[in-house]
C-alpha atoms as a PDB file:
ATOM      1  CA  MET A   1     -35.452  12.494  31.719  1.00  0.00           C
ATOM      2  CA  LEU A   2     -32.632  13.159  29.204  1.00  0.00           C
ATOM      3  CA  TRP A   3     -32.464  10.441  26.578  1.00  0.00           C
ATOM      4  CA  GLN A   4     -28.818  10.222  24.751  1.00  0.00           C
ATOM      5  CA  LEU A   5     -29.153   8.367  21.706  1.00  0.00           C
ATOM      6  CA  PRO A   6     -25.679   6.823  20.049  1.00  0.00           C
ATOM      7  CA  PRO A   7     -24.586   8.479  16.962  1.00  0.00           C
ATOM      8  CA  ARG A   8     -25.311   6.210  14.245  1.00  0.00           C
ATOM      9  CA  LEU A   9     -29.204   5.980  15.225  1.00  0.00           C
ATOM     10  CA  ALA A  10     -30.578   7.889  12.099  1.00  0.00           C
ATOM     11  CA  PHE A  11     -33.911   9.289  12.916  1.00  0.00           C
ATOM     12  CA  ASP A  12     -36.645   6.815  11.923  1.00  0.00           C
ATOM     13  CA  VAL A  13     -40.206   8.832  13.114  1.00  0.00           C
ATOM     14  CA  ASP A  14     -41.632   4.943  13.897  1.00  0.00           C
ATOM     15  CA  ARG A  15     -39.332   3.816  15.927  1.00  0.00           C
ATOM     16  CA  LEU A  16     -39.380   6.898  17.781  1.00  0.00           C
ATOM     17  CA  ALA A  17     -43.127   7.708  17.778  1.00  0.00           C
ATOM     18  CA  GLY A  18     -43.183   4.005  19.570  1.00  0.00           C
ATOM     19  CA  PHE A  19     -40.297   4.780  22.066  1.00  0.00           C
ATOM     20  CA  PHE A  20     -41.900   7.864  22.738  1.00  0.00           C
ATOM     21  CA  ASN A  21     -45.472   6.162  23.421  1.00  0.00           C
ATOM     22  CA  SER A  22     -43.772   3.927  25.429  1.00  0.00           C
ATOM     23  CA  LEU A  23     -41.914   6.833  28.134  1.00  0.00           C
ATOM     24  CA  PRO A  24     -43.683   7.018  31.478  1.00  0.00           C
ATOM     25  CA  ARG A  25     -45.532  10.721  31.733  1.00  0.00           C
ATOM     26  CA  SER A  26     -45.679  10.866  35.531  1.00  0.00           C
ATOM     27  CA  THR A  27     -43.519   9.922  38.685  1.00  0.00           C
ATOM     28  CA  ALA A  28     -46.452   7.241  39.329  1.00  0.00           C
ATOM     29  CA  GLU A  29     -46.101   6.093  35.978  1.00  0.00           C
ATOM     30  CA  ALA A  30     -42.470   5.813  36.232  1.00  0.00           C
ATOM     31  CA  ALA A  31     -42.811   3.903  39.573  1.00  0.00           C
ATOM     32  CA  GLU A  32     -45.329   1.256  38.236  1.00  0.00           C
ATOM     33  CA  LEU A  33     -42.724   0.680  35.742  1.00  0.00           C
ATOM     34  CA  ALA A  34     -40.167   0.136  37.919  1.00  0.00           C
ATOM     35  CA  ARG A  35     -42.069  -2.414  39.698  1.00  0.00           C
ATOM     36  CA  GLY A  36     -42.188  -4.347  36.784  1.00  0.00           C
ATOM     37  CA  HIS A  37     -38.337  -5.046  36.892  1.00  0.00           C
ATOM     38  CA  ASP A  38     -36.661  -7.852  36.128  1.00  0.00           C
ATOM     39  CA  ASP A  39     -33.403 -10.241  37.319  1.00  0.00           C
ATOM     40  CA  ARG A  40     -30.943  -8.321  36.038  1.00  0.00           C
ATOM     41  CA  LEU A  41     -32.115  -5.554  38.568  1.00  0.00           C
ATOM     42  CA  LYS A  42     -29.896  -6.072  41.655  1.00  0.00           C
ATOM     43  CA  ALA A  43     -31.354  -3.741  43.899  1.00  0.00           C
ATOM     44  CA  GLU A  44     -35.139  -3.703  44.450  1.00  0.00           C
ATOM     45  CA  PRO A  45     -35.794   0.067  43.072  1.00  0.00           C
ATOM     46  CA  PHE A  46     -37.180   2.429  45.105  1.00  0.00           C
ATOM     47  CA  THR A  47     -40.717   3.022  43.904  1.00  0.00           C
ATOM     48  CA  GLU A  48     -42.820   4.815  46.536  1.00  0.00           C
ATOM     49  CA  VAL A  49     -44.662   8.036  45.188  1.00  0.00           C
ATOM     50  CA  ASP A  50     -45.303  10.825  47.550  1.00  0.00           C
ATOM     51  CA  VAL A  51     -47.276  12.748  44.958  1.00  0.00           C
ATOM     52  CA  ASP A  52     -47.661  12.383  41.460  1.00  0.00           C
ATOM     53  CA  ARG A  53     -46.091  14.824  39.124  1.00  0.00           C
ATOM     54  CA  PRO A  54     -45.469  14.912  35.078  1.00  0.00           C
ATOM     55  CA  VAL A  55     -42.090  13.724  33.546  1.00  0.00           C
ATOM     56  CA  ARG A  56     -40.526  15.648  31.467  1.00  0.00           C
ATOM     57  CA  HIS A  57     -38.627  14.213  28.750  1.00  0.00           C
ATOM     58  CA  ALA A  58     -35.507  15.584  26.559  1.00  0.00           C
ATOM     59  CA  LEU A  59     -33.783  13.503  23.668  1.00  0.00           C
ATOM     60  CA  GLU A  60     -30.157  14.272  22.805  1.00  0.00           C
ATOM     61  CA  VAL A  61     -29.763  13.776  18.967  1.00  0.00           C
ATOM     62  CA  ARG A  62     -26.609  12.628  17.446  1.00  0.00           C
ATOM     63  CA  HIS A  63     -26.713  11.736  14.124  1.00  0.00           C
ATOM     64  CA  PRO A  64     -27.689  14.941  11.201  1.00  0.00           C
ATOM     65  CA  SER A  65     -30.655  13.365  10.009  1.00  0.00           C
ATOM     66  CA  PHE A  66     -32.826  14.212  13.358  1.00  0.00           C
ATOM     67  CA  ALA A  67     -32.110  17.800  11.931  1.00  0.00           C
ATOM     68  CA  THR A  68     -35.629  17.666   9.852  1.00  0.00           C
ATOM     69  CA  ALA A  69     -39.447  19.777  10.379  1.00  0.00           C
ATOM     70  CA  GLU A  70     -40.458  15.730  10.802  1.00  0.00           C
ATOM     71  CA  CYS A  71     -38.718  15.243  13.696  1.00  0.00           C
ATOM     72  CA  VAL A  72     -39.392  18.649  15.419  1.00  0.00           C
ATOM     73  CA  GLU A  73     -43.402  18.285  15.222  1.00  0.00           C
ATOM     74  CA  LEU A  74     -42.970  14.882  16.437  1.00  0.00           C
ATOM     75  CA  LEU A  75     -41.098  15.731  19.421  1.00  0.00           C
ATOM     76  CA  ARG A  76     -43.725  18.562  20.021  1.00  0.00           C
ATOM     77  CA  GLU A  77     -46.616  16.476  19.228  1.00  0.00           C
ATOM     78  CA  HIS A  78     -45.230  14.286  22.247  1.00  0.00           C
ATOM     79  CA  ILE A  79     -43.739  16.847  24.015  1.00  0.00           C
ATOM     80  CA  VAL A  80     -40.368  16.456  24.044  1.00  0.00           C
ATOM     81  CA  GLY A  81     -37.743  18.849  25.287  1.00  0.00           C
ATOM     82  CA  PRO A  82     -41.014  21.556  25.722  1.00  0.00           C
ATOM     83  CA  PRO A  83     -39.783  25.084  25.783  1.00  0.00           C
ATOM     84  CA  ALA A  84     -38.086  26.328  29.365  1.00  0.00           C
ATOM     85  CA  PRO A  85     -39.876  27.951  32.061  1.00  0.00           C
ATOM     86  CA  ARG A  86     -39.985  32.048  31.649  1.00  0.00           C
ATOM     87  CA  ARG A  87     -38.776  31.967  35.278  1.00  0.00           C
ATOM     88  CA  PRO A  88     -35.470  31.373  36.067  1.00  0.00           C
ATOM     89  CA  ARG A  89     -34.902  28.246  37.880  1.00  0.00           C
ATOM     90  CA  ASP A  90     -32.379  26.094  39.783  1.00  0.00           C
ATOM     91  CA  VAL A  91     -30.835  23.496  37.014  1.00  0.00           C
ATOM     92  CA  TYR A  92     -28.446  20.573  38.969  1.00  0.00           C
ATOM     93  CA  VAL A  93     -26.553  19.161  36.140  1.00  0.00           C
ATOM     94  CA  TYR A  94     -23.986  15.813  36.102  1.00  0.00           C
ATOM     95  CA  PHE A  95     -20.842  15.322  35.160  1.00  0.00           C
ATOM     96  CA  ASP A  96     -19.634  11.883  34.103  1.00  0.00           C
ATOM     97  CA  ASN A  97     -15.711  11.394  34.335  1.00  0.00           C
ATOM     98  CA  ASP A  98     -14.236  10.016  31.909  1.00  0.00           C
ATOM     99  CA  VAL A  99     -10.618   9.040  30.946  1.00  0.00           C
ATOM    100  CA  LYS A 100      -8.884  11.615  32.119  1.00  0.00           C
ATOM    101  CA  ALA A 101     -11.269  12.591  34.909  1.00  0.00           C
ATOM    102  CA  HIS A 102     -12.101  16.170  32.877  1.00  0.00           C
ATOM    103  CA  ALA A 103     -15.622  16.318  34.860  1.00  0.00           C
ATOM    104  CA  PRO A 104     -14.446  19.178  37.056  1.00  0.00           C
ATOM    105  CA  HIS A 105     -12.834  21.321  34.009  1.00  0.00           C
ATOM    106  CA  ASP A 106     -16.416  20.997  32.154  1.00  0.00           C
ATOM    107  CA  ALA A 107     -18.326  21.920  35.176  1.00  0.00           C
ATOM    108  CA  MET A 108     -16.423  25.143  35.671  1.00  0.00           C
ATOM    109  CA  ALA A 109     -16.346  26.016  31.722  1.00  0.00           C
ATOM    110  CA  LEU A 110     -20.327  25.843  32.015  1.00  0.00           C
ATOM    111  CA  ALA A 111     -20.244  28.038  35.063  1.00  0.00           C
ATOM    112  CA  GLU A 112     -17.791  30.375  32.833  1.00  0.00           C
ATOM    113  CA  LEU A 113     -20.427  30.433  29.900  1.00  0.00           C
ATOM    114  CA  LEU A 114     -23.723  30.721  31.808  1.00  0.00           C
ATOM    115  CA  GLY A 115     -21.704  33.873  33.639  1.00  0.00           C
ATOM    116  CA  THR A 116     -21.983  32.064  37.397  1.00  0.00           C
ATOM    117  CA  GLY A 117     -18.449  30.589  37.229  1.00  0.00           C
ATOM    118  CA  PRO A 118     -15.645  32.549  39.385  1.00  0.00           C
ATOM    119  CA  ALA A 119     -14.245  34.388  36.663  1.00  0.00           C
ATOM    120  CA  SER A 120     -17.219  36.137  35.815  1.00  0.00           C
ATOM    121  CA  ARG A 121     -17.863  36.693  39.245  1.00  0.00           C
ATOM    122  CA  THR A 122     -14.717  39.367  39.578  1.00  0.00           C
ATOM    123  CA  ARG A 123     -15.661  40.702  36.371  1.00  0.00           C
ATOM    124  CA  ASN A 124     -19.029  41.699  37.690  1.00  0.00           C
ATOM    125  CA  THR A 125     -18.300  43.203  41.061  1.00  0.00           C
ATOM    126  CA  ALA A 126     -15.968  45.620  38.369  1.00  0.00           C
ATOM    127  CA  LEU A 127     -19.303  47.183  37.067  1.00  0.00           C
END
């Protein structure tokens, strides 16, 4: 799960540690948490778990105060944003359209950066 923090939220070790301690670490824990929803959620959450799997968390920070050794240590301690596996894996990316509907353009730009877009395929076939 990707957790995106507001741009004005500064690093606070106690606040962040408390947040990390409240996160579910498995699909069973996440389902249990979802079962406790309140009336603001209109639909029933899907809470069946066929096989309990680990849940990985990543944090997107936007405030410069997070660029500290203390923050990195806290992330490692709570296994947030662990290193990528050594073998290639499929990755699914969701692009949220902004007001001007840039999501398709952004997706194509990412594909080009990764060398998997149409232009990179044309370049690669010439090799």
